[in-house]
Amino acid sequence: MGKGIEGIIMKAYHPDNYMLTVTKVDFITDKYVRIEFAADDLLANHPAHPTQWVRLWIDDGNAKQRQRGYTLLDQNPDEDSFSIEFALHYGPASQ
């Protein structure tokens, strides 16, 4: 699975990489979901602030990965967790 030109561009920024683990999924509606993640020490290395965001790499279903930025919600450094809300529409994250 390749990251293509997006991967080359992101690599130029020298980002930190974290492996997030889904710990909870709450469907707010049939078109909106909130997913909670274990943060893999992300909040220990980058203190929480109100506009904090991450870029997630998501398989697009065609053997490529796409990246998108998402704002962190309910950041909890003590439990090393946060949530992200996703609108479920056509796109790789919804799939």
PDB file of N, CA and C in Angstrom:
ATOM      1  N   MET A   1       0.846  -1.170   0.000  1.00  0.00           N
ATOM      2  CA  MET A   1       0.000   0.000   0.000  1.00  0.00           C
ATOM      3  C   MET A   1       0.891   1.231   0.000  1.00  0.00           C
ATOM      4  N   GLY A   2       0.702   2.119  -0.945  1.00  0.00           N
ATOM      5  CA  GLY A   2       1.552   3.290  -1.044  1.00  0.00           C
ATOM      6  C   GLY A   2       0.856   4.568  -0.617  1.00  0.00           C
ATOM      7  N   LYS A   3       1.659   5.528  -0.219  1.00  0.00           N
ATOM      8  CA  LYS A   3       1.153   6.834   0.176  1.00  0.00           C
ATOM      9  C   LYS A   3       1.326   7.863  -0.928  1.00  0.00           C
ATOM     10  N   GLY A   4       2.030   7.497  -2.007  1.00  0.00           N
ATOM     11  CA  GLY A   4       2.161   8.356  -3.175  1.00  0.00           C
ATOM     12  C   GLY A   4       2.731   9.734  -2.869  1.00  0.00           C
ATOM     13  N   ILE A   5       2.304  10.701  -3.675  1.00  0.00           N
ATOM     14  CA  ILE A   5       2.808  12.076  -3.549  1.00  0.00           C
ATOM     15  C   ILE A   5       2.448  12.682  -2.197  1.00  0.00           C
ATOM     16  N   GLU A   6       1.282  12.291  -1.644  1.00  0.00           N
ATOM     17  CA  GLU A   6       0.902  12.797  -0.317  1.00  0.00           C
ATOM     18  C   GLU A   6       1.929  12.379   0.723  1.00  0.00           C
ATOM     19  N   GLY A   7       2.423  11.153   0.635  1.00  0.00           N
ATOM     20  CA  GLY A   7       3.430  10.678   1.572  1.00  0.00           C
ATOM     21  C   GLY A   7       4.743  11.433   1.444  1.00  0.00           C
ATOM     22  N   ILE A   8       5.131  11.735   0.217  1.00  0.00           N
ATOM     23  CA  ILE A   8       6.361  12.496  -0.017  1.00  0.00           C
ATOM     24  C   ILE A   8       6.237  13.896   0.583  1.00  0.00           C
ATOM     25  N   ILE A   9       5.103  14.539   0.346  1.00  0.00           N
ATOM     26  CA  ILE A   9       4.878  15.888   0.888  1.00  0.00           C
ATOM     27  C   ILE A   9       4.872  15.858   2.409  1.00  0.00           C
ATOM     28  N   MET A  10       4.146  14.912   3.012  1.00  0.00           N
ATOM     29  CA  MET A  10       4.078  14.841   4.471  1.00  0.00           C
ATOM     30  C   MET A  10       5.445  14.524   5.075  1.00  0.00           C
ATOM     31  N   LYS A  11       6.222  13.685   4.425  1.00  0.00           N
ATOM     32  CA  LYS A  11       7.548  13.335   4.946  1.00  0.00           C
ATOM     33  C   LYS A  11       8.436  14.569   5.052  1.00  0.00           C
ATOM     34  N   ALA A  12       8.252  15.535   4.144  1.00  0.00           N
ATOM     35  CA  ALA A  12       9.045  16.771   4.172  1.00  0.00           C
ATOM     36  C   ALA A  12       8.795  17.577   5.452  1.00  0.00           C
ATOM     37  N   TYR A  13       7.636  17.393   6.080  1.00  0.00           N
ATOM     38  CA  TYR A  13       7.305  18.096   7.328  1.00  0.00           C
ATOM     39  C   TYR A  13       7.916  17.422   8.559  1.00  0.00           C
ATOM     40  N   HIS A  14       8.498  16.253   8.403  1.00  0.00           N
ATOM     41  CA  HIS A  14       9.083  15.484   9.507  1.00  0.00           C
ATOM     42  C   HIS A  14       8.090  15.266  10.644  1.00  0.00           C
ATOM     43  N   PRO A  15       6.914  14.706  10.347  1.00  0.00           N
ATOM     44  CA  PRO A  15       5.908  14.520  11.395  1.00  0.00           C
ATOM     45  C   PRO A  15       6.262  13.359  12.321  1.00  0.00           C
ATOM     46  N   ASP A  16       5.745  13.434  13.537  1.00  0.00           N
ATOM     47  CA  ASP A  16       5.825  12.288  14.442  1.00  0.00           C
ATOM     48  C   ASP A  16       4.754  11.292  14.007  1.00  0.00           C
ATOM     49  N   ASN A  17       5.022  10.022  14.166  1.00  0.00           N
ATOM     50  CA  ASN A  17       4.055   8.986  13.814  1.00  0.00           C
ATOM     51  C   ASN A  17       3.605   8.257  15.071  1.00  0.00           C
ATOM     52  N   TYR A  18       2.309   7.993  15.151  1.00  0.00           N
ATOM     53  CA  TYR A  18       1.723   7.295  16.287  1.00  0.00           C
ATOM     54  C   TYR A  18       0.772   6.227  15.758  1.00  0.00           C
ATOM     55  N   MET A  19       0.679   5.120  16.459  1.00  0.00           N
ATOM     56  CA  MET A  19      -0.266   4.068  16.126  1.00  0.00           C
ATOM     57  C   MET A  19      -1.444   4.207  17.090  1.00  0.00           C
ATOM     58  N   LEU A  20      -2.571   4.647  16.574  1.00  0.00           N
ATOM     59  CA  LEU A  20      -3.755   4.849  17.403  1.00  0.00           C
ATOM     60  C   LEU A  20      -4.574   3.574  17.434  1.00  0.00           C
ATOM     61  N   THR A  21      -5.254   3.343  18.565  1.00  0.00           N
ATOM     62  CA  THR A  21      -6.098   2.170  18.724  1.00  0.00           C
ATOM     63  C   THR A  21      -7.519   2.627  19.019  1.00  0.00           C
ATOM     64  N   VAL A  22      -8.474   2.126  18.253  1.00  0.00           N
ATOM     65  CA  VAL A  22      -9.882   2.444  18.501  1.00  0.00           C
ATOM     66  C   VAL A  22     -10.309   1.743  19.777  1.00  0.00           C
ATOM     67  N   THR A  23     -10.872   2.525  20.719  1.00  0.00           N
ATOM     68  CA  THR A  23     -11.332   1.944  21.984  1.00  0.00           C
ATOM     69  C   THR A  23     -12.849   2.014  22.158  1.00  0.00           C
ATOM     70  N   LYS A  24     -13.505   2.865  21.353  1.00  0.00           N
ATOM     71  CA  LYS A  24     -14.955   3.007  21.485  1.00  0.00           C
ATOM     72  C   LYS A  24     -15.507   3.663  20.226  1.00  0.00           C
ATOM     73  N   VAL A  25     -16.683   3.232  19.806  1.00  0.00           N
ATOM     74  CA  VAL A  25     -17.368   3.819  18.651  1.00  0.00           C
ATOM     75  C   VAL A  25     -18.792   4.146  19.067  1.00  0.00           C
ATOM     76  N   ASP A  26     -19.185   5.413  18.918  1.00  0.00           N
ATOM     77  CA  ASP A  26     -20.549   5.851  19.223  1.00  0.00           C
ATOM     78  C   ASP A  26     -21.159   6.470  17.976  1.00  0.00           C
ATOM     79  N   PHE A  27     -22.238   5.867  17.474  1.00  0.00           N
ATOM     80  CA  PHE A  27     -22.955   6.458  16.348  1.00  0.00           C
ATOM     81  C   PHE A  27     -23.890   7.526  16.894  1.00  0.00           C
ATOM     82  N   ILE A  28     -23.607   8.783  16.560  1.00  0.00           N
ATOM     83  CA  ILE A  28     -24.438   9.899  17.003  1.00  0.00           C
ATOM     84  C   ILE A  28     -25.732   9.884  16.185  1.00  0.00           C
ATOM     85  N   THR A  29     -25.613   9.726  14.872  1.00  0.00           N
ATOM     86  CA  THR A  29     -26.734   9.506  13.955  1.00  0.00           C
ATOM     87  C   THR A  29     -26.252   8.472  12.946  1.00  0.00           C
ATOM     88  N   ASP A  30     -27.086   8.159  11.952  1.00  0.00           N
ATOM     89  CA  ASP A  30     -26.642   7.214  10.926  1.00  0.00           C
ATOM     90  C   ASP A  30     -25.612   7.832   9.979  1.00  0.00           C
ATOM     91  N   LYS A  31     -25.396   9.147  10.092  1.00  0.00           N
ATOM     92  CA  LYS A  31     -24.430   9.844   9.230  1.00  0.00           C
ATOM     93  C   LYS A  31     -23.306  10.527  10.015  1.00  0.00           C
ATOM     94  N   TYR A  32     -23.199  10.224  11.317  1.00  0.00           N
ATOM     95  CA  TYR A  32     -22.208  10.906  12.148  1.00  0.00           C
ATOM     96  C   TYR A  32     -21.758   9.967  13.258  1.00  0.00           C
ATOM     97  N   VAL A  33     -20.442   9.804  13.397  1.00  0.00           N
ATOM     98  CA  VAL A  33     -19.902   8.879  14.393  1.00  0.00           C
ATOM     99  C   VAL A  33     -18.764   9.544  15.165  1.00  0.00           C
ATOM    100  N   ARG A  34     -18.683   9.221  16.450  1.00  0.00           N
ATOM    101  CA  ARG A  34     -17.574   9.665  17.300  1.00  0.00           C
ATOM    102  C   ARG A  34     -16.777   8.420  17.661  1.00  0.00           C
ATOM    103  N   ILE A  35     -15.465   8.466  17.387  1.00  0.00           N
ATOM    104  CA  ILE A  35     -14.584   7.332  17.675  1.00  0.00           C
ATOM    105  C   ILE A  35     -13.557   7.766  18.698  1.00  0.00           C
ATOM    106  N   GLU A  36     -13.411   6.967  19.752  1.00  0.00           N
ATOM    107  CA  GLU A  36     -12.415   7.228  20.792  1.00  0.00           C
ATOM    108  C   GLU A  36     -11.178   6.387  20.497  1.00  0.00           C
ATOM    109  N   PHE A  37     -10.014   6.990  20.747  1.00  0.00           N
ATOM    110  CA  PHE A  37      -8.735   6.340  20.470  1.00  0.00           C
ATOM    111  C   PHE A  37      -7.848   6.339  21.704  1.00  0.00           C
ATOM    112  N   ALA A  38      -7.042   5.287  21.862  1.00  0.00           N
ATOM    113  CA  ALA A  38      -5.893   5.317  22.758  1.00  0.00           C
ATOM    114  C   ALA A  38      -4.808   6.044  21.979  1.00  0.00           C
ATOM    115  N   ALA A  39      -4.114   6.986  22.627  1.00  0.00           N
ATOM    116  CA  ALA A  39      -3.286   7.967  21.918  1.00  0.00           C
ATOM    117  C   ALA A  39      -1.823   7.587  21.699  1.00  0.00           C
ATOM    118  N   ASP A  40      -1.362   6.441  22.177  1.00  0.00           N
ATOM    119  CA  ASP A  40       0.028   6.013  21.934  1.00  0.00           C
ATOM    120  C   ASP A  40       1.036   7.083  22.366  1.00  0.00           C
ATOM    121  N   ASP A  41       0.780   7.736  23.501  1.00  0.00           N
ATOM    122  CA  ASP A  41       1.636   8.789  24.081  1.00  0.00           C
ATOM    123  C   ASP A  41       1.634  10.098  23.297  1.00  0.00           C
ATOM    124  N   LEU A  42       0.754  10.262  22.334  1.00  0.00           N
ATOM    125  CA  LEU A  42       0.678  11.504  21.573  1.00  0.00           C
ATOM    126  C   LEU A  42       0.441  12.699  22.507  1.00  0.00           C
ATOM    127  N   LEU A  43      -0.468  12.544  23.478  1.00  0.00           N
ATOM    128  CA  LEU A  43      -0.772  13.658  24.379  1.00  0.00           C
ATOM    129  C   LEU A  43       0.343  13.896  25.389  1.00  0.00           C
ATOM    130  N   ALA A  44       1.153  12.906  25.652  1.00  0.00           N
ATOM    131  CA  ALA A  44       2.307  13.111  26.529  1.00  0.00           C
ATOM    132  C   ALA A  44       3.395  13.893  25.785  1.00  0.00           C
ATOM    133  N   ASN A  45       3.526  13.638  24.508  1.00  0.00           N
ATOM    134  CA  ASN A  45       4.562  14.298  23.705  1.00  0.00           C
ATOM    135  C   ASN A  45       4.120  15.652  23.141  1.00  0.00           C
ATOM    136  N   HIS A  46       2.821  15.847  23.029  1.00  0.00           N
ATOM    137  CA  HIS A  46       2.257  17.090  22.487  1.00  0.00           C
ATOM    138  C   HIS A  46       1.098  17.492  23.389  1.00  0.00           C
ATOM    139  N   PRO A  47       1.347  18.346  24.396  1.00  0.00           N
ATOM    140  CA  PRO A  47       0.307  18.708  25.361  1.00  0.00           C
ATOM    141  C   PRO A  47      -0.981  19.171  24.679  1.00  0.00           C
ATOM    142  N   ALA A  48      -2.097  18.753  25.246  1.00  0.00           N
ATOM    143  CA  ALA A  48      -3.418  19.046  24.687  1.00  0.00           C
ATOM    144  C   ALA A  48      -3.691  20.545  24.653  1.00  0.00           C
ATOM    145  N   HIS A  49      -4.316  20.987  23.562  1.00  0.00           N
ATOM    146  CA  HIS A  49      -4.805  22.360  23.450  1.00  0.00           C
ATOM    147  C   HIS A  49      -6.081  22.336  22.607  1.00  0.00           C
ATOM    148  N   PRO A  50      -6.913  23.375  22.676  1.00  0.00           N
ATOM    149  CA  PRO A  50      -8.253  23.324  22.071  1.00  0.00           C
ATOM    150  C   PRO A  50      -8.308  23.099  20.568  1.00  0.00           C
ATOM    151  N   THR A  51      -7.282  23.488  19.824  1.00  0.00           N
ATOM    152  CA  THR A  51      -7.324  23.323  18.370  1.00  0.00           C
ATOM    153  C   THR A  51      -6.360  22.246  17.875  1.00  0.00           C
ATOM    154  N   GLN A  52      -6.001  21.338  18.741  1.00  0.00           N
ATOM    155  CA  GLN A  52      -5.063  20.282  18.379  1.00  0.00           C
ATOM    156  C   GLN A  52      -5.682  19.356  17.331  1.00  0.00           C
ATOM    157  N   TRP A  53      -4.863  18.950  16.370  1.00  0.00           N
ATOM    158  CA  TRP A  53      -5.351  18.082  15.306  1.00  0.00           C
ATOM    159  C   TRP A  53      -4.279  17.087  14.910  1.00  0.00           C
ATOM    160  N   VAL A  54      -4.705  16.058  14.207  1.00  0.00           N
ATOM    161  CA  VAL A  54      -3.797  15.035  13.692  1.00  0.00           C
ATOM    162  C   VAL A  54      -4.147  14.765  12.227  1.00  0.00           C
ATOM    163  N   ARG A  55      -3.204  14.180  11.527  1.00  0.00           N
ATOM    164  CA  ARG A  55      -3.474  13.689  10.173  1.00  0.00           C
ATOM    165  C   ARG A  55      -3.513  12.168  10.263  1.00  0.00           C
ATOM    166  N   LEU A  56      -4.588  11.590   9.771  1.00  0.00           N
ATOM    167  CA  LEU A  56      -4.740  10.141   9.757  1.00  0.00           C
ATOM    168  C   LEU A  56      -4.536   9.622   8.334  1.00  0.00           C
ATOM    169  N   TRP A  57      -3.847   8.489   8.228  1.00  0.00           N
ATOM    170  CA  TRP A  57      -3.702   7.794   6.948  1.00  0.00           C
ATOM    171  C   TRP A  57      -4.779   6.732   6.887  1.00  0.00           C
ATOM    172  N   ILE A  58      -5.549   6.746   5.796  1.00  0.00           N
ATOM    173  CA  ILE A  58      -6.698   5.864   5.654  1.00  0.00           C
ATOM    174  C   ILE A  58      -6.621   5.157   4.309  1.00  0.00           C
ATOM    175  N   ASP A  59      -6.833   3.857   4.318  1.00  0.00           N
ATOM    176  CA  ASP A  59      -6.851   3.068   3.086  1.00  0.00           C
ATOM    177  C   ASP A  59      -8.043   3.513   2.243  1.00  0.00           C
ATOM    178  N   ASP A  60      -7.796   3.833   0.966  1.00  0.00           N
ATOM    179  CA  ASP A  60      -8.883   4.308   0.094  1.00  0.00           C
ATOM    180  C   ASP A  60      -9.599   3.172  -0.635  1.00  0.00           C
ATOM    181  N   GLY A  61      -9.235   1.937  -0.355  1.00  0.00           N
ATOM    182  CA  GLY A  61      -9.871   0.795  -0.994  1.00  0.00           C
ATOM    183  C   GLY A  61      -9.266   0.430  -2.342  1.00  0.00           C
ATOM    184  N   ASN A  62      -8.291   1.201  -2.805  1.00  0.00           N
ATOM    185  CA  ASN A  62      -7.628   0.960  -4.088  1.00  0.00           C
ATOM    186  C   ASN A  62      -6.124   0.779  -3.920  1.00  0.00           C
ATOM    187  N   ALA A  63      -5.722   0.201  -2.802  1.00  0.00           N
ATOM    188  CA  ALA A  63      -4.308  -0.055  -2.490  1.00  0.00           C
ATOM    189  C   ALA A  63      -3.497   1.221  -2.320  1.00  0.00           C
ATOM    190  N   LYS A  64      -4.152   2.316  -1.977  1.00  0.00           N
ATOM    191  CA  LYS A  64      -3.461   3.567  -1.675  1.00  0.00           C
ATOM    192  C   LYS A  64      -3.968   4.098  -0.347  1.00  0.00           C
ATOM    193  N   GLN A  65      -3.126   4.869   0.302  1.00  0.00           N
ATOM    194  CA  GLN A  65      -3.533   5.522   1.536  1.00  0.00           C
ATOM    195  C   GLN A  65      -3.692   7.009   1.280  1.00  0.00           C
ATOM    196  N   ARG A  66      -4.703   7.584   1.887  1.00  0.00           N
ATOM    197  CA  ARG A  66      -4.973   9.023   1.799  1.00  0.00           C
ATOM    198  C   ARG A  66      -4.888   9.591   3.199  1.00  0.00           C
ATOM    199  N   GLN A  67      -4.460  10.838   3.307  1.00  0.00           N
ATOM    200  CA  GLN A  67      -4.379  11.465   4.623  1.00  0.00           C
ATOM    201  C   GLN A  67      -5.391  12.593   4.703  1.00  0.00           C
ATOM    202  N   ARG A  68      -5.928  12.753   5.896  1.00  0.00           N
ATOM    203  CA  ARG A  68      -6.868  13.831   6.190  1.00  0.00           C
ATOM    204  C   ARG A  68      -6.578  14.338   7.595  1.00  0.00           C
ATOM    205  N   GLY A  69      -6.846  15.618   7.825  1.00  0.00           N
ATOM    206  CA  GLY A  69      -6.665  16.213   9.144  1.00  0.00           C
ATOM    207  C   GLY A  69      -7.958  16.193   9.938  1.00  0.00           C
ATOM    208  N   TYR A  70      -7.850  15.896  11.236  1.00  0.00           N
ATOM    209  CA  TYR A  70      -9.015  15.840  12.122  1.00  0.00           C
ATOM    210  C   TYR A  70      -8.696  16.509  13.456  1.00  0.00           C
ATOM    211  N   THR A  71      -9.648  17.254  13.973  1.00  0.00           N
ATOM    212  CA  THR A  71      -9.513  17.918  15.273  1.00  0.00           C
ATOM    213  C   THR A  71      -9.755  16.914  16.395  1.00  0.00           C
ATOM    214  N   LEU A  72      -8.903  16.977  17.433  1.00  0.00           N
ATOM    215  CA  LEU A  72      -9.047  16.090  18.590  1.00  0.00           C
ATOM    216  C   LEU A  72     -10.095  16.649  19.543  1.00  0.00           C
ATOM    217  N   LEU A  73     -10.954  15.776  20.030  1.00  0.00           N
ATOM    218  CA  LEU A  73     -11.997  16.142  20.994  1.00  0.00           C
ATOM    219  C   LEU A  73     -11.793  15.350  22.280  1.00  0.00           C
ATOM    220  N   ASP A  74     -12.308  15.894  23.374  1.00  0.00           N
ATOM    221  CA  ASP A  74     -12.276  15.195  24.674  1.00  0.00           C
ATOM    222  C   ASP A  74     -10.889  14.638  24.988  1.00  0.00           C
ATOM    223  N   GLN A  75      -9.875  15.462  24.812  1.00  0.00           N
ATOM    224  CA  GLN A  75      -8.504  15.018  25.077  1.00  0.00           C
ATOM    225  C   GLN A  75      -8.330  14.734  26.566  1.00  0.00           C
ATOM    226  N   ASN A  76      -7.813  13.574  26.882  1.00  0.00           N
ATOM    227  CA  ASN A  76      -7.612  13.179  28.270  1.00  0.00           C
ATOM    228  C   ASN A  76      -6.182  12.659  28.428  1.00  0.00           C
ATOM    229  N   PRO A  77      -5.240  13.567  28.753  1.00  0.00           N
ATOM    230  CA  PRO A  77      -3.842  13.140  28.907  1.00  0.00           C
ATOM    231  C   PRO A  77      -3.639  12.087  29.998  1.00  0.00           C
ATOM    232  N   ASP A  78      -4.442  12.137  31.076  1.00  0.00           N
ATOM    233  CA  ASP A  78      -4.293  11.160  32.157  1.00  0.00           C
ATOM    234  C   ASP A  78      -4.612   9.743  31.697  1.00  0.00           C
ATOM    235  N   GLU A  79      -5.577   9.613  30.802  1.00  0.00           N
ATOM    236  CA  GLU A  79      -5.937   8.295  30.270  1.00  0.00           C
ATOM    237  C   GLU A  79      -5.349   8.051  28.883  1.00  0.00           C
ATOM    238  N   ASP A  80      -4.577   9.030  28.378  1.00  0.00           N
ATOM    239  CA  ASP A  80      -3.939   8.921  27.067  1.00  0.00           C
ATOM    240  C   ASP A  80      -4.961   8.601  25.974  1.00  0.00           C
ATOM    241  N   SER A  81      -6.046   9.416  25.941  1.00  0.00           N
ATOM    242  CA  SER A  81      -7.103   9.160  24.973  1.00  0.00           C
ATOM    243  C   SER A  81      -7.678  10.460  24.420  1.00  0.00           C
ATOM    244  N   PHE A  82      -8.341  10.338  23.287  1.00  0.00           N
ATOM    245  CA  PHE A  82      -9.078  11.445  22.689  1.00  0.00           C
ATOM    246  C   PHE A  82     -10.107  10.855  21.738  1.00  0.00           C
ATOM    247  N   SER A  83     -11.006  11.708  21.246  1.00  0.00           N
ATOM    248  CA  SER A  83     -12.011  11.289  20.278  1.00  0.00           C
ATOM    249  C   SER A  83     -11.899  12.137  19.021  1.00  0.00           C
ATOM    250  N   ILE A  84     -12.433  11.604  17.940  1.00  0.00           N
ATOM    251  CA  ILE A  84     -12.575  12.331  16.684  1.00  0.00           C
ATOM    252  C   ILE A  84     -13.981  12.046  16.178  1.00  0.00           C
ATOM    253  N   GLU A  85     -14.633  13.071  15.629  1.00  0.00           N
ATOM    254  CA  GLU A  85     -15.952  12.879  15.043  1.00  0.00           C
ATOM    255  C   GLU A  85     -15.827  12.860  13.527  1.00  0.00           C
ATOM    256  N   PHE A  86     -16.551  11.943  12.912  1.00  0.00           N
ATOM    257  CA  PHE A  86     -16.522  11.762  11.461  1.00  0.00           C
ATOM    258  C   PHE A  86     -17.928  11.915  10.901  1.00  0.00           C
ATOM    259  N   ALA A  87     -18.059  12.736   9.866  1.00  0.00           N
ATOM    260  CA  ALA A  87     -19.292  12.768   9.085  1.00  0.00           C
ATOM    261  C   ALA A  87     -19.201  11.620   8.090  1.00  0.00           C
ATOM    262  N   LEU A  88     -20.229  10.813   8.030  1.00  0.00           N
ATOM    263  CA  LEU A  88     -20.224   9.657   7.153  1.00  0.00           C
ATOM    264  C   LEU A  88     -20.795  10.021   5.798  1.00  0.00           C
ATOM    265  N   HIS A  89     -19.903  10.271   4.866  1.00  0.00           N
ATOM    266  CA  HIS A  89     -20.271  10.626   3.494  1.00  0.00           C
ATOM    267  C   HIS A  89     -19.319   9.877   2.580  1.00  0.00           C
ATOM    268  N   TYR A  90     -19.388  10.109   1.318  1.00  0.00           N
ATOM    269  CA  TYR A  90     -18.498   9.410   0.406  1.00  0.00           C
ATOM    270  C   TYR A  90     -17.054   9.858   0.648  1.00  0.00           C
ATOM    271  N   GLY A  91     -16.173   8.922   0.927  1.00  0.00           N
ATOM    272  CA  GLY A  91     -14.771   9.223   1.156  1.00  0.00           C
ATOM    273  C   GLY A  91     -14.103   8.090   1.890  1.00  0.00           C
ATOM    274  N   PRO A  92     -12.777   8.059   1.900  1.00  0.00           N
ATOM    275  CA  PRO A  92     -12.059   6.929   2.479  1.00  0.00           C
ATOM    276  C   PRO A  92     -12.278   6.743   3.980  1.00  0.00           C
ATOM    277  N   ALA A  93     -12.417   7.812   4.735  1.00  0.00           N
ATOM    278  CA  ALA A  93     -12.614   7.670   6.183  1.00  0.00           C
ATOM    279  C   ALA A  93     -13.983   7.061   6.485  1.00  0.00           C
ATOM    280  N   SER A  94     -14.975   7.381   5.693  1.00  0.00           N
ATOM    281  CA  SER A  94     -16.321   6.824   5.898  1.00  0.00           C
ATOM    282  C   SER A  94     -16.382   5.336   5.585  1.00  0.00           C
ATOM    283  N   GLN A  95     -15.550   4.914   4.662  1.00  0.00           N
ATOM    284  CA  GLN A  95     -15.553   3.496   4.287  1.00  0.00           C
ATOM    285  C   GLN A  95     -14.975   2.658   5.399  1.00  0.00           C
TER     286      GLN A  95
END
